[in-house]
Amino acid sequence: MSEPTKTELEAAAFRRLLAHLDERKDVQNIDLMNLAGFCRNCLSRWYAEEAAERGVEIDKEEAREIVYGMPYSEWKAKYQTEANADQKAAFEENKPDH
């Protein structure tokens, strides 16, 4: 497989992941962290870090808007719920250090 094709496929898969997460706004970030060790905020941070490595400046809020499909503050107000005790306990037990 050529590198340009590989890059196109990776980009397409990333766009599908973002679309899937957008369709599943009911899945909270803490649930993603507890089950997979990453969340939407991690994806946005990774996006900004990769941009910076390539000399492209994207601040935290811009990266979050790319991942969330809207300003993060708007997403939080519309879709984020308070974590329950079980979610918080699982997060503390399995908290990733990235």
Protein backbone atom coordinates (compact mmCIF):
# COMPACT_ATOMS: atom_id res chain seq x y z
CA MET A 1 0.00 0.00 0.00
CA SER A 2 1.37 3.42 -0.86
CA GLU A 3 1.92 6.00 1.89
CA PRO A 4 -0.62 8.46 0.42
CA THR A 5 -3.27 5.71 0.33
CA LYS A 6 -2.42 4.66 3.87
CA THR A 7 -2.71 8.29 5.03
CA GLU A 8 -6.07 8.66 3.26
CA LEU A 9 -7.40 5.50 4.90
CA GLU A 10 -6.20 6.59 8.33
CA ALA A 11 -7.82 10.00 7.86
CA ALA A 12 -11.07 8.38 6.72
CA ALA A 13 -11.06 6.06 9.74
CA PHE A 14 -10.46 9.03 12.05
CA ARG A 15 -13.37 10.91 10.47
CA ARG A 16 -15.59 7.84 10.99
CA LEU A 17 -14.51 7.66 14.64
CA LEU A 18 -15.44 11.32 15.11
CA ALA A 19 -18.78 10.75 13.36
CA HIS A 20 -19.46 7.71 15.55
CA LEU A 21 -18.65 9.65 18.72
CA ASP A 22 -20.89 12.46 17.48
CA GLU A 23 -23.75 9.98 17.06
CA ARG A 24 -23.12 8.64 20.57
CA LYS A 25 -23.30 11.80 22.62
CA ASP A 26 -24.92 9.65 25.29
CA VAL A 27 -21.54 8.03 25.92
CA GLN A 28 -19.82 10.22 28.47
CA ASN A 29 -16.08 10.88 28.44
CA ILE A 30 -15.70 9.21 31.82
CA ASP A 31 -17.25 6.05 30.35
CA LEU A 32 -14.76 6.13 27.48
CA MET A 33 -11.89 6.67 29.92
CA ASN A 34 -13.04 3.84 32.15
CA LEU A 35 -13.47 1.39 29.29
CA ALA A 36 -10.82 2.41 26.77
CA GLY A 37 -8.36 4.66 28.58
CA PHE A 38 -9.02 7.65 26.34
CA CYS A 39 -11.82 10.09 25.61
CA ARG A 40 -12.78 12.94 23.32
CA ASN A 41 -10.49 15.29 25.24
CA CYS A 42 -7.57 12.91 24.73
CA LEU A 43 -8.30 12.81 20.99
CA SER A 44 -8.34 16.60 20.82
CA ARG A 45 -5.08 16.84 22.76
CA TRP A 46 -3.44 14.26 20.47
CA TYR A 47 -4.71 16.20 17.45
CA ALA A 48 -3.16 19.44 18.74
CA GLU A 49 0.10 17.69 19.63
CA GLU A 50 0.39 16.15 16.16
CA ALA A 51 -0.36 19.53 14.59
CA ALA A 52 2.35 21.16 16.71
CA GLU A 53 4.88 18.50 15.64
CA ARG A 54 4.17 19.55 12.06
CA GLY A 55 4.45 23.27 12.78
CA VAL A 56 0.70 23.90 12.75
CA GLU A 57 -0.61 25.85 15.72
CA ILE A 58 -3.99 24.70 16.98
CA ASP A 59 -4.95 25.68 20.48
CA LYS A 60 -6.78 23.43 22.92
CA GLU A 61 -10.22 24.88 22.19
CA GLU A 62 -9.77 24.69 18.41
CA ALA A 63 -8.75 21.04 18.68
CA ARG A 64 -11.71 20.29 20.93
CA GLU A 65 -14.09 21.91 18.44
CA ILE A 66 -12.71 19.64 15.71
CA VAL A 67 -13.32 16.55 17.84
CA TYR A 68 -16.62 17.59 19.42
CA GLY A 69 -18.03 19.21 16.29
CA MET A 70 -18.93 22.34 18.29
CA PRO A 71 -17.33 24.47 20.98
CA TYR A 72 -16.52 22.31 24.00
CA SER A 73 -18.47 24.59 26.34
CA GLU A 74 -21.57 24.09 24.19
CA TRP A 75 -21.12 20.30 24.11
CA LYS A 76 -20.68 20.20 27.90
CA ALA A 77 -23.81 22.27 28.47
CA LYS A 78 -25.91 20.13 26.12
CA TYR A 79 -24.61 16.61 26.65
CA GLN A 80 -22.33 16.18 29.65
CA THR A 81 -23.89 14.72 32.76
CA GLU A 82 -22.54 14.52 36.27
CA ALA A 83 -20.50 11.38 36.84
CA ASN A 84 -21.98 9.03 39.39
CA ALA A 85 -20.07 7.49 42.29
CA ASP A 86 -19.39 4.23 40.42
CA GLN A 87 -18.01 6.07 37.39
CA LYS A 88 -15.78 8.22 39.59
CA ALA A 89 -14.50 5.21 41.54
CA ALA A 90 -13.71 3.29 38.34
CA PHE A 91 -11.91 6.33 36.96
CA GLU A 92 -9.75 6.68 40.08
CA GLU A 93 -8.93 2.97 39.96
CA ASN A 94 -8.02 2.87 36.26
CA LYS A 95 -6.95 6.48 35.62
CA PRO A 96 -4.51 6.56 32.70
CA ASP A 97 -1.42 8.70 33.10
CA HIS A 98 -1.37 10.25 29.62
